[in-house]
Amino acid sequence: MSEQKEKGEEKKLTVKILRETRKPSKEALNRLKEQNKIRKAIMEALKSEPKTIPELASELNMDSSVIMWYVMTMIKYGLIEVGEEEDDYYKYKLAEG
Protein backbone atom coordinates (compact mmCIF):
# COMPACT_ATOMS: atom_id res chain seq x y z
CA MET A 1 0.00 0.00 0.00
CA SER A 2 1.35 3.43 -0.85
CA GLU A 3 2.42 5.80 1.92
CA GLN A 4 -0.07 8.45 0.77
CA LYS A 5 -2.98 5.98 0.83
CA GLU A 6 -2.03 4.84 4.33
CA LYS A 7 -2.00 8.45 5.56
CA GLY A 8 -5.43 9.02 4.01
CA GLU A 9 -6.90 5.96 5.71
CA GLU A 10 -5.23 6.91 9.00
CA LYS A 11 -6.78 10.39 8.77
CA LYS A 12 -10.25 8.92 8.11
CA LEU A 13 -9.85 6.63 11.12
CA THR A 14 -8.77 9.57 13.31
CA VAL A 15 -11.79 11.65 12.23
CA LYS A 16 -14.11 8.70 12.92
CA ILE A 17 -12.66 8.21 16.40
CA LEU A 18 -12.94 11.93 17.20
CA ARG A 19 -16.58 12.03 16.07
CA GLU A 20 -17.40 9.05 18.27
CA THR A 21 -15.56 10.26 21.36
CA ARG A 22 -16.05 14.04 21.19
CA LYS A 23 -19.78 14.54 21.10
CA PRO A 24 -21.10 18.11 21.44
CA SER A 25 -22.47 18.98 24.86
CA LYS A 26 -26.21 19.11 25.46
CA GLU A 27 -25.82 22.83 26.15
CA ALA A 28 -24.25 23.39 22.72
CA LEU A 29 -26.95 21.33 21.01
CA ASN A 30 -29.70 23.26 22.83
CA ARG A 31 -28.09 26.59 21.88
CA LEU A 32 -27.93 25.48 18.23
CA LYS A 33 -31.56 24.39 18.36
CA GLU A 34 -32.60 27.80 19.75
CA GLN A 35 -30.57 29.65 17.10
CA ASN A 36 -32.20 27.63 14.33
CA LYS A 37 -35.63 28.33 15.81
CA ILE A 38 -34.98 32.10 15.81
CA ARG A 39 -33.54 32.05 12.30
CA LYS A 40 -36.60 30.16 11.03
CA ALA A 41 -38.95 32.60 12.79
CA ILE A 42 -37.22 35.56 11.12
CA MET A 43 -37.41 33.94 7.71
CA GLU A 44 -41.06 33.08 8.26
CA ALA A 45 -41.82 36.70 9.27
CA LEU A 46 -40.16 37.97 6.09
CA LYS A 47 -42.13 35.69 3.76
CA SER A 48 -45.13 38.02 3.61
CA GLU A 49 -43.26 41.30 3.10
CA PRO A 50 -39.98 43.10 3.81
CA LYS A 51 -39.69 44.39 7.38
CA THR A 52 -37.47 46.61 9.49
CA ILE A 53 -35.58 45.47 12.58
CA PRO A 54 -38.14 47.12 14.94
CA GLU A 55 -41.01 45.46 13.05
CA LEU A 56 -39.34 42.05 13.31
CA ALA A 57 -38.54 42.60 17.00
CA SER A 58 -42.14 43.55 17.73
CA GLU A 59 -43.60 40.66 15.73
CA LEU A 60 -41.27 38.08 17.27
CA ASN A 61 -41.38 39.66 20.75
CA MET A 62 -37.60 39.85 20.96
CA ASP A 63 -35.03 42.55 21.68
CA SER A 64 -34.07 44.49 18.56
CA SER A 65 -30.33 43.99 19.24
CA VAL A 66 -30.81 40.22 19.09
CA ILE A 67 -32.80 40.51 15.87
CA MET A 68 -30.11 42.78 14.43
CA TRP A 69 -27.40 40.20 15.17
CA TYR A 70 -29.37 37.42 13.46
CA VAL A 71 -30.29 39.58 10.47
CA MET A 72 -26.68 40.69 9.93
CA THR A 73 -25.53 37.08 10.16
CA MET A 74 -28.20 35.97 7.72
CA ILE A 75 -27.17 38.73 5.30
CA LYS A 76 -23.57 37.54 5.54
CA TYR A 77 -24.62 34.03 4.51
CA GLY A 78 -26.97 35.18 1.76
CA LEU A 79 -30.29 34.28 3.37
CA ILE A 80 -31.56 37.86 3.65
CA GLU A 81 -31.04 40.98 1.56
CA VAL A 82 -31.23 44.67 2.38
CA GLY A 83 -34.24 46.30 0.77
CA GLU A 84 -35.52 49.86 0.59
CA GLU A 85 -34.98 52.46 3.28
CA GLU A 86 -38.10 53.71 5.02
CA ASP A 87 -38.32 56.19 7.91
CA ASP A 88 -34.59 55.91 8.70
CA TYR A 89 -34.77 52.08 8.78
CA TYR A 90 -33.88 49.56 6.13
CA LYS A 91 -36.39 46.92 5.20
CA TYR A 92 -34.99 43.40 5.03
CA LYS A 93 -36.29 40.71 2.73
CA LEU A 94 -35.61 37.09 1.92
CA ALA A 95 -32.82 36.61 -0.60
CA GLU A 96 -33.97 35.79 -4.08
CA GLY A 97 -32.80 32.58 -5.64
C-alpha atoms as a PDB file:
ATOM      1  CA  MET A   1       0.000   0.000   0.000  1.00  0.00           C
ATOM      2  CA  SER A   2       1.351   3.427  -0.848  1.00  0.00           C
ATOM      3  CA  GLU A   3       2.415   5.795   1.920  1.00  0.00           C
ATOM      4  CA  GLN A   4      -0.069   8.451   0.770  1.00  0.00           C
ATOM      5  CA  LYS A   5      -2.983   5.983   0.825  1.00  0.00           C
ATOM      6  CA  GLU A   6      -2.033   4.837   4.330  1.00  0.00           C
ATOM      7  CA  LYS A   7      -1.996   8.445   5.563  1.00  0.00           C
ATOM      8  CA  GLY A   8      -5.428   9.022   4.005  1.00  0.00           C
ATOM      9  CA  GLU A   9      -6.896   5.959   5.712  1.00  0.00           C
ATOM     10  CA  GLU A  10      -5.227   6.907   8.996  1.00  0.00           C
ATOM     11  CA  LYS A  11      -6.778  10.390   8.768  1.00  0.00           C
ATOM     12  CA  LYS A  12     -10.247   8.920   8.106  1.00  0.00           C
ATOM     13  CA  LEU A  13      -9.848   6.634  11.118  1.00  0.00           C
ATOM     14  CA  THR A  14      -8.773   9.567  13.314  1.00  0.00           C
ATOM     15  CA  VAL A  15     -11.789  11.645  12.227  1.00  0.00           C
ATOM     16  CA  LYS A  16     -14.106   8.703  12.916  1.00  0.00           C
ATOM     17  CA  ILE A  17     -12.655   8.208  16.403  1.00  0.00           C
ATOM     18  CA  LEU A  18     -12.935  11.929  17.196  1.00  0.00           C
ATOM     19  CA  ARG A  19     -16.576  12.028  16.071  1.00  0.00           C
ATOM     20  CA  GLU A  20     -17.402   9.055  18.267  1.00  0.00           C
ATOM     21  CA  THR A  21     -15.558  10.263  21.356  1.00  0.00           C
ATOM     22  CA  ARG A  22     -16.050  14.038  21.192  1.00  0.00           C
ATOM     23  CA  LYS A  23     -19.784  14.538  21.095  1.00  0.00           C
ATOM     24  CA  PRO A  24     -21.098  18.107  21.437  1.00  0.00           C
ATOM     25  CA  SER A  25     -22.466  18.983  24.859  1.00  0.00           C
ATOM     26  CA  LYS A  26     -26.210  19.110  25.462  1.00  0.00           C
ATOM     27  CA  GLU A  27     -25.824  22.827  26.145  1.00  0.00           C
ATOM     28  CA  ALA A  28     -24.250  23.388  22.719  1.00  0.00           C
ATOM     29  CA  LEU A  29     -26.951  21.326  21.013  1.00  0.00           C
ATOM     30  CA  ASN A  30     -29.699  23.262  22.826  1.00  0.00           C
ATOM     31  CA  ARG A  31     -28.094  26.587  21.876  1.00  0.00           C
ATOM     32  CA  LEU A  32     -27.931  25.482  18.230  1.00  0.00           C
ATOM     33  CA  LYS A  33     -31.563  24.386  18.364  1.00  0.00           C
ATOM     34  CA  GLU A  34     -32.595  27.804  19.750  1.00  0.00           C
ATOM     35  CA  GLN A  35     -30.567  29.645  17.101  1.00  0.00           C
ATOM     36  CA  ASN A  36     -32.198  27.626  14.327  1.00  0.00           C
ATOM     37  CA  LYS A  37     -35.626  28.331  15.813  1.00  0.00           C
ATOM     38  CA  ILE A  38     -34.980  32.103  15.811  1.00  0.00           C
ATOM     39  CA  ARG A  39     -33.543  32.051  12.298  1.00  0.00           C
ATOM     40  CA  LYS A  40     -36.601  30.159  11.025  1.00  0.00           C
ATOM     41  CA  ALA A  41     -38.946  32.596  12.785  1.00  0.00           C
ATOM     42  CA  ILE A  42     -37.224  35.562  11.122  1.00  0.00           C
ATOM     43  CA  MET A  43     -37.412  33.940   7.707  1.00  0.00           C
ATOM     44  CA  GLU A  44     -41.060  33.078   8.260  1.00  0.00           C
ATOM     45  CA  ALA A  45     -41.819  36.696   9.268  1.00  0.00           C
ATOM     46  CA  LEU A  46     -40.157  37.970   6.095  1.00  0.00           C
ATOM     47  CA  LYS A  47     -42.135  35.690   3.760  1.00  0.00           C
ATOM     48  CA  SER A  48     -45.125  38.019   3.615  1.00  0.00           C
ATOM     49  CA  GLU A  49     -43.264  41.305   3.100  1.00  0.00           C
ATOM     50  CA  PRO A  50     -39.978  43.102   3.813  1.00  0.00           C
ATOM     51  CA  LYS A  51     -39.692  44.388   7.384  1.00  0.00           C
ATOM     52  CA  THR A  52     -37.474  46.614   9.491  1.00  0.00           C
ATOM     53  CA  ILE A  53     -35.576  45.466  12.578  1.00  0.00           C
ATOM     54  CA  PRO A  54     -38.138  47.120  14.936  1.00  0.00           C
ATOM     55  CA  GLU A  55     -41.011  45.465  13.053  1.00  0.00           C
ATOM     56  CA  LEU A  56     -39.338  42.048  13.312  1.00  0.00           C
ATOM     57  CA  ALA A  57     -38.535  42.599  16.997  1.00  0.00           C
ATOM     58  CA  SER A  58     -42.136  43.549  17.730  1.00  0.00           C
ATOM     59  CA  GLU A  59     -43.601  40.659  15.725  1.00  0.00           C
ATOM     60  CA  LEU A  60     -41.265  38.082  17.274  1.00  0.00           C
ATOM     61  CA  ASN A  61     -41.385  39.656  20.747  1.00  0.00           C
ATOM     62  CA  MET A  62     -37.595  39.853  20.957  1.00  0.00           C
ATOM     63  CA  ASP A  63     -35.028  42.547  21.678  1.00  0.00           C
ATOM     64  CA  SER A  64     -34.067  44.486  18.557  1.00  0.00           C
ATOM     65  CA  SER A  65     -30.330  43.995  19.242  1.00  0.00           C
ATOM     66  CA  VAL A  66     -30.807  40.220  19.092  1.00  0.00           C
ATOM     67  CA  ILE A  67     -32.798  40.512  15.868  1.00  0.00           C
ATOM     68  CA  MET A  68     -30.108  42.785  14.428  1.00  0.00           C
ATOM     69  CA  TRP A  69     -27.397  40.197  15.166  1.00  0.00           C
ATOM     70  CA  TYR A  70     -29.370  37.424  13.462  1.00  0.00           C
ATOM     71  CA  VAL A  71     -30.292  39.580  10.473  1.00  0.00           C
ATOM     72  CA  MET A  72     -26.685  40.689   9.933  1.00  0.00           C
ATOM     73  CA  THR A  73     -25.530  37.077  10.159  1.00  0.00           C
ATOM     74  CA  MET A  74     -28.205  35.972   7.724  1.00  0.00           C
ATOM     75  CA  ILE A  75     -27.172  38.728   5.299  1.00  0.00           C
ATOM     76  CA  LYS A  76     -23.572  37.543   5.543  1.00  0.00           C
ATOM     77  CA  TYR A  77     -24.623  34.031   4.512  1.00  0.00           C
ATOM     78  CA  GLY A  78     -26.967  35.175   1.756  1.00  0.00           C
ATOM     79  CA  LEU A  79     -30.293  34.280   3.370  1.00  0.00           C
ATOM     80  CA  ILE A  80     -31.561  37.864   3.653  1.00  0.00           C
ATOM     81  CA  GLU A  81     -31.035  40.980   1.557  1.00  0.00           C
ATOM     82  CA  VAL A  82     -31.232  44.673   2.382  1.00  0.00           C
ATOM     83  CA  GLY A  83     -34.241  46.303   0.765  1.00  0.00           C
ATOM     84  CA  GLU A  84     -35.519  49.855   0.586  1.00  0.00           C
ATOM     85  CA  GLU A  85     -34.979  52.461   3.281  1.00  0.00           C
ATOM     86  CA  GLU A  86     -38.103  53.708   5.025  1.00  0.00           C
ATOM     87  CA  ASP A  87     -38.321  56.195   7.914  1.00  0.00           C
ATOM     88  CA  ASP A  88     -34.585  55.905   8.700  1.00  0.00           C
ATOM     89  CA  TYR A  89     -34.773  52.082   8.779  1.00  0.00           C
ATOM     90  CA  TYR A  90     -33.876  49.563   6.135  1.00  0.00           C
ATOM     91  CA  LYS A  91     -36.388  46.923   5.203  1.00  0.00           C
ATOM     92  CA  TYR A  92     -34.990  43.402   5.033  1.00  0.00           C
ATOM     93  CA  LYS A  93     -36.289  40.714   2.730  1.00  0.00           C
ATOM     94  CA  LEU A  94     -35.609  37.089   1.920  1.00  0.00           C
ATOM     95  CA  ALA A  95     -32.824  36.614  -0.596  1.00  0.00           C
ATOM     96  CA  GLU A  96     -33.966  35.785  -4.075  1.00  0.00           C
ATOM     97  CA  GLY A  97     -32.804  32.578  -5.644  1.00  0.00           C
END
